[in-house]
C-alpha atoms as a PDB file:
ATOM      1  CA  MET A   1     -12.618   4.750 -10.226  1.00  0.00           C
ATOM      2  CA  SER A   2     -14.944   4.540  -7.275  1.00  0.00           C
ATOM      3  CA  ILE A   3     -17.467   6.751  -5.776  1.00  0.00           C
ATOM      4  CA  VAL A   4     -17.626   6.580  -2.353  1.00  0.00           C
ATOM      5  CA  ASN A   5     -20.195   9.167  -0.205  1.00  0.00           C
ATOM      6  CA  SER A   6     -21.129  10.720  -3.716  1.00  0.00           C
ATOM      7  CA  THR A   7     -17.276  12.235  -3.721  1.00  0.00           C
ATOM      8  CA  TYR A   8     -15.006  11.023  -6.403  1.00  0.00           C
ATOM      9  CA  VAL A   9     -12.097   9.044  -5.497  1.00  0.00           C
ATOM     10  CA  LYS A  10      -9.088   8.496  -8.369  1.00  0.00           C
ATOM     11  CA  SER A  11      -8.670   5.062  -9.917  1.00  0.00           C
ATOM     12  CA  ILE A  12      -5.614   3.192  -9.129  1.00  0.00           C
ATOM     13  CA  GLN A  13      -4.262   3.457 -12.478  1.00  0.00           C
ATOM     14  CA  GLU A  14      -4.583   7.447 -12.003  1.00  0.00           C
ATOM     15  CA  ILE A  15      -3.140   6.958  -7.971  1.00  0.00           C
ATOM     16  CA  GLN A  16      -0.185   5.132  -9.720  1.00  0.00           C
ATOM     17  CA  GLU A  17       0.650   7.615 -13.150  1.00  0.00           C
ATOM     18  CA  GLU A  18       0.920  10.513 -10.592  1.00  0.00           C
ATOM     19  CA  ILE A  19       3.548   8.572  -7.923  1.00  0.00           C
ATOM     20  CA  VAL A  20       5.433   7.554 -11.574  1.00  0.00           C
ATOM     21  CA  SER A  21       5.824  11.466 -12.374  1.00  0.00           C
ATOM     22  CA  GLU A  22       6.322  12.212  -8.858  1.00  0.00           C
ATOM     23  CA  PHE A  23       9.466   9.980  -8.580  1.00  0.00           C
ATOM     24  CA  GLU A  24      10.414  11.442 -12.459  1.00  0.00           C
ATOM     25  CA  ILE A  25      11.731  14.594 -10.472  1.00  0.00           C
ATOM     26  CA  TYR A  26      14.348  12.626  -9.181  1.00  0.00           C
ATOM     27  CA  ASP A  27      17.489  11.265 -11.038  1.00  0.00           C
ATOM     28  CA  ASP A  28      19.300   9.665  -7.857  1.00  0.00           C
ATOM     29  CA  TRP A  29      17.421   6.383  -5.999  1.00  0.00           C
ATOM     30  CA  MET A  30      19.314   8.255  -3.119  1.00  0.00           C
ATOM     31  CA  ASP A  31      17.121  11.186  -3.490  1.00  0.00           C
ATOM     32  CA  LYS A  32      14.100   8.543  -4.084  1.00  0.00           C
ATOM     33  CA  TYR A  33      14.880   6.603  -0.729  1.00  0.00           C
ATOM     34  CA  ASN A  34      14.598  10.741   0.888  1.00  0.00           C
ATOM     35  CA  TYR A  35      11.427  10.966  -0.982  1.00  0.00           C
ATOM     36  CA  LEU A  36      10.069   7.536   0.623  1.00  0.00           C
ATOM     37  CA  ILE A  37      10.959   8.762   3.448  1.00  0.00           C
ATOM     38  CA  GLU A  38       9.214  11.628   3.734  1.00  0.00           C
ATOM     39  CA  LEU A  39       6.077   9.677   2.700  1.00  0.00           C
ATOM     40  CA  SER A  40       6.786   7.767   5.966  1.00  0.00           C
ATOM     41  CA  ARG A  41       6.087  11.046   7.625  1.00  0.00           C
ATOM     42  CA  ASP A  42       3.163  11.824   6.106  1.00  0.00           C
ATOM     43  CA  LEU A  43       1.311   8.065   6.895  1.00  0.00           C
ATOM     44  CA  PRO A  44      -1.300   8.547   9.316  1.00  0.00           C
ATOM     45  CA  VAL A  45      -0.420   6.409  12.581  1.00  0.00           C
ATOM     46  CA  ILE A  46      -2.240   2.999  12.982  1.00  0.00           C
ATOM     47  CA  ASP A  47      -4.007   2.921  16.798  1.00  0.00           C
ATOM     48  CA  SER A  48      -1.602   0.903  18.717  1.00  0.00           C
ATOM     49  CA  ARG A  49      -4.756  -1.316  19.794  1.00  0.00           C
ATOM     50  CA  LEU A  50      -3.917  -2.612  16.200  1.00  0.00           C
ATOM     51  CA  LYS A  51      -0.158  -3.381  16.500  1.00  0.00           C
ATOM     52  CA  ILE A  52      -0.825  -6.844  17.334  1.00  0.00           C
ATOM     53  CA  LYS A  53       0.638 -10.335  16.461  1.00  0.00           C
ATOM     54  CA  GLU A  54      -2.298 -11.031  14.040  1.00  0.00           C
ATOM     55  CA  ASN A  55      -1.872  -7.910  12.013  1.00  0.00           C
ATOM     56  CA  LEU A  56       2.538  -8.850  11.162  1.00  0.00           C
ATOM     57  CA  ILE A  57       3.161  -9.450   8.068  1.00  0.00           C
ATOM     58  CA  SER A  58       4.830 -12.626   7.689  1.00  0.00           C
ATOM     59  CA  GLY A  59       8.067 -12.404   5.261  1.00  0.00           C
ATOM     60  CA  CYS A  60       9.188  -8.880   5.947  1.00  0.00           C
ATOM     61  CA  GLN A  61      12.300  -8.332   7.694  1.00  0.00           C
ATOM     62  CA  SER A  62      11.227  -4.960   9.791  1.00  0.00           C
ATOM     63  CA  ARG A  63       7.864  -5.723  11.865  1.00  0.00           C
ATOM     64  CA  VAL A  64       5.186  -4.405   9.115  1.00  0.00           C
ATOM     65  CA  TRP A  65       1.397  -3.718  10.735  1.00  0.00           C
ATOM     66  CA  LEU A  66      -0.827  -3.839   8.410  1.00  0.00           C
ATOM     67  CA  ASN A  67      -4.938  -3.655   8.977  1.00  0.00           C
ATOM     68  CA  ALA A  68      -8.049  -3.567   6.904  1.00  0.00           C
ATOM     69  CA  GLU A  69     -11.841  -2.119   7.315  1.00  0.00           C
ATOM     70  CA  TYR A  70     -14.362  -2.444   5.334  1.00  0.00           C
ATOM     71  CA  GLN A  71     -16.614   0.493   5.241  1.00  0.00           C
ATOM     72  CA  GLU A  72     -19.243   1.284   2.351  1.00  0.00           C
ATOM     73  CA  GLY A  73     -18.162  -0.962  -0.306  1.00  0.00           C
ATOM     74  CA  THR A  74     -14.300  -0.057  -0.022  1.00  0.00           C
ATOM     75  CA  ILE A  75     -11.543  -1.046   1.801  1.00  0.00           C
ATOM     76  CA  ARG A  76      -9.221   1.420   3.854  1.00  0.00           C
ATOM     77  CA  PHE A  77      -5.757   0.269   4.963  1.00  0.00           C
ATOM     78  CA  THR A  78      -3.931   1.126   7.601  1.00  0.00           C
ATOM     79  CA  ALA A  79      -0.385   0.646   8.126  1.00  0.00           C
ATOM     80  CA  ASP A  80       3.069   0.977  10.351  1.00  0.00           C
ATOM     81  CA  SER A  81       6.260  -0.332  10.511  1.00  0.00           C
ATOM     82  CA  ASP A  82       9.740  -0.172  12.554  1.00  0.00           C
ATOM     83  CA  ALA A  83      11.813   0.610   9.744  1.00  0.00           C
ATOM     84  CA  ILE A  84      11.580   3.828   7.538  1.00  0.00           C
ATOM     85  CA  ILE A  85      12.223   3.070   4.394  1.00  0.00           C
ATOM     86  CA  THR A  86       9.367  -0.150   4.612  1.00  0.00           C
ATOM     87  CA  LYS A  87       6.763   2.614   6.058  1.00  0.00           C
ATOM     88  CA  GLY A  88       7.239   4.672   2.967  1.00  0.00           C
ATOM     89  CA  ILE A  89       6.796   1.541   1.189  1.00  0.00           C
ATOM     90  CA  VAL A  90       3.830   0.348   2.650  1.00  0.00           C
ATOM     91  CA  SER A  91       2.447   4.189   2.770  1.00  0.00           C
ATOM     92  CA  LEU A  92       2.377   3.741  -0.894  1.00  0.00           C
ATOM     93  CA  LEU A  93       0.482   0.663  -1.368  1.00  0.00           C
ATOM     94  CA  ILE A  94      -1.863   2.360   0.940  1.00  0.00           C
ATOM     95  CA  ARG A  95      -2.257   5.358  -1.353  1.00  0.00           C
ATOM     96  CA  VAL A  96      -2.515   3.149  -4.231  1.00  0.00           C
ATOM     97  CA  LEU A  97      -5.030   0.575  -2.474  1.00  0.00           C
ATOM     98  CA  SER A  98      -6.887   2.371  -0.370  1.00  0.00           C
ATOM     99  CA  ASN A  99     -10.409   3.678  -0.420  1.00  0.00           C
ATOM    100  CA  HIS A 100     -11.186   1.097  -3.029  1.00  0.00           C
ATOM    101  CA  THR A 101     -13.321  -2.313  -3.637  1.00  0.00           C
ATOM    102  CA  PRO A 102     -12.466  -5.930  -3.263  1.00  0.00           C
ATOM    103  CA  ASP A 103     -12.477  -6.986  -6.990  1.00  0.00           C
ATOM    104  CA  GLU A 104     -10.408  -3.393  -7.650  1.00  0.00           C
ATOM    105  CA  ILE A 105      -7.763  -4.121  -5.371  1.00  0.00           C
ATOM    106  CA  ILE A 106      -8.054  -7.943  -6.337  1.00  0.00           C
ATOM    107  CA  ASN A 107      -7.267  -7.354  -9.988  1.00  0.00           C
ATOM    108  CA  ALA A 108      -4.578  -3.981  -9.200  1.00  0.00           C
ATOM    109  CA  ASP A 109      -2.002  -4.292 -11.700  1.00  0.00           C
ATOM    110  CA  LEU A 110       0.488  -2.700  -9.520  1.00  0.00           C
ATOM    111  CA  THR A 111       2.833  -1.074 -12.679  1.00  0.00           C
ATOM    112  CA  PHE A 112       4.202   2.151 -10.468  1.00  0.00           C
ATOM    113  CA  ILE A 113       6.019  -0.705  -8.677  1.00  0.00           C
ATOM    114  CA  ASP A 114       8.582  -1.130 -11.756  1.00  0.00           C
ATOM    115  CA  GLN A 115       7.940   2.068 -13.597  1.00  0.00           C
ATOM    116  CA  ILE A 116      10.064   4.081 -10.635  1.00  0.00           C
ATOM    117  CA  GLY A 117      12.107   0.936 -10.296  1.00  0.00           C
ATOM    118  CA  LEU A 118      11.822   0.284  -6.553  1.00  0.00           C
ATOM    119  CA  ARG A 119      11.408  -2.973  -6.949  1.00  0.00           C
ATOM    120  CA  GLN A 120      14.738  -3.301  -8.746  1.00  0.00           C
ATOM    121  CA  ASN A 121      16.464  -1.094  -6.015  1.00  0.00           C
ATOM    122  CA  LEU A 122      15.424  -3.206  -3.419  1.00  0.00           C
ATOM    123  CA  SER A 123      17.442  -5.794  -1.225  1.00  0.00           C
ATOM    124  CA  PRO A 124      16.068  -9.478  -1.793  1.00  0.00           C
ATOM    125  CA  THR A 125      14.461  -9.088   1.534  1.00  0.00           C
ATOM    126  CA  ARG A 126      13.121  -5.405   1.492  1.00  0.00           C
ATOM    127  CA  SER A 127      11.931  -6.912  -2.030  1.00  0.00           C
ATOM    128  CA  ASN A 128       9.965 -10.173  -0.224  1.00  0.00           C
ATOM    129  CA  GLY A 129       8.565  -7.568   1.829  1.00  0.00           C
ATOM    130  CA  LEU A 130       7.487  -5.674  -0.344  1.00  0.00           C
ATOM    131  CA  LEU A 131       5.699  -8.948  -2.396  1.00  0.00           C
ATOM    132  CA  SER A 132       4.072  -9.955   0.805  1.00  0.00           C
ATOM    133  CA  MET A 133       2.344  -6.673   2.075  1.00  0.00           C
ATOM    134  CA  ILE A 134       0.635  -6.732  -1.597  1.00  0.00           C
ATOM    135  CA  ARG A 135      -0.161 -10.175  -0.792  1.00  0.00           C
ATOM    136  CA  GLN A 136      -1.660  -9.422   2.420  1.00  0.00           C
ATOM    137  CA  MET A 137      -3.795  -6.388   1.036  1.00  0.00           C
ATOM    138  CA  LYS A 138      -5.364  -8.344  -1.643  1.00  0.00           C
ATOM    139  CA  LEU A 139      -6.071 -11.207   0.976  1.00  0.00           C
ATOM    140  CA  TYR A 140      -7.989  -8.805   2.669  1.00  0.00           C
ATOM    141  CA  ALA A 141     -10.011  -7.947  -0.006  1.00  0.00           C
ATOM    142  CA  LEU A 142     -10.709 -11.309  -1.151  1.00  0.00           C
ATOM    143  CA  ALA A 143     -11.636 -12.320   2.278  1.00  0.00           C
ATOM    144  CA  TYR A 144     -14.007  -9.133   2.229  1.00  0.00           C
ATOM    145  CA  LYS A 145     -15.760  -9.756  -0.817  1.00  0.00           C
ATOM    146  CA  THR A 146     -15.589 -13.317  -0.241  1.00  0.00           C
ATOM    147  CA  LYS A 147     -17.239 -12.512   3.507  1.00  0.00           C
ATOM    148  CA  PHE A 148     -19.851  -9.996   2.051  1.00  0.00           C
ATOM    149  CA  GLY A 149     -20.490 -11.000  -1.698  1.00  0.00           C
ATOM    150  CA  VAL A 150     -19.333  -7.921  -3.067  1.00  0.00           C
ATOM    151  CA  LYS A 151     -17.626  -6.848  -5.946  1.00  0.00           C
END
């Protein structure tokens, strides 16, 4: 659990449990893909100035821009993608990892990915992209931890 400006922020585990519950509503993977598309629409638009080569995630078939900012002890992620399913996936990752400390992000066990069946239902290239997004988010956390000497 993180406290940001004296406001309770749900733990990474609590957020993952919410996501698993949301996906349990759907029996069919086509419905789950449609839900990912809905989630992509809710992803806040990344500042166009951040859609630069340095923020592109390598290893993704589609183009995914990811930015991280360190504020008041926590990291806030923003992202965008030119592929709607990928945008939905990155929106889930941001929902889980944003507003947490570098240590919480580095040590996060992202169990929701397998619990909702995401990894098993992605093409190999999308699955590689998912792993690349997670790796980049954890690298940002490690960089901020190193730079600021924080937990």
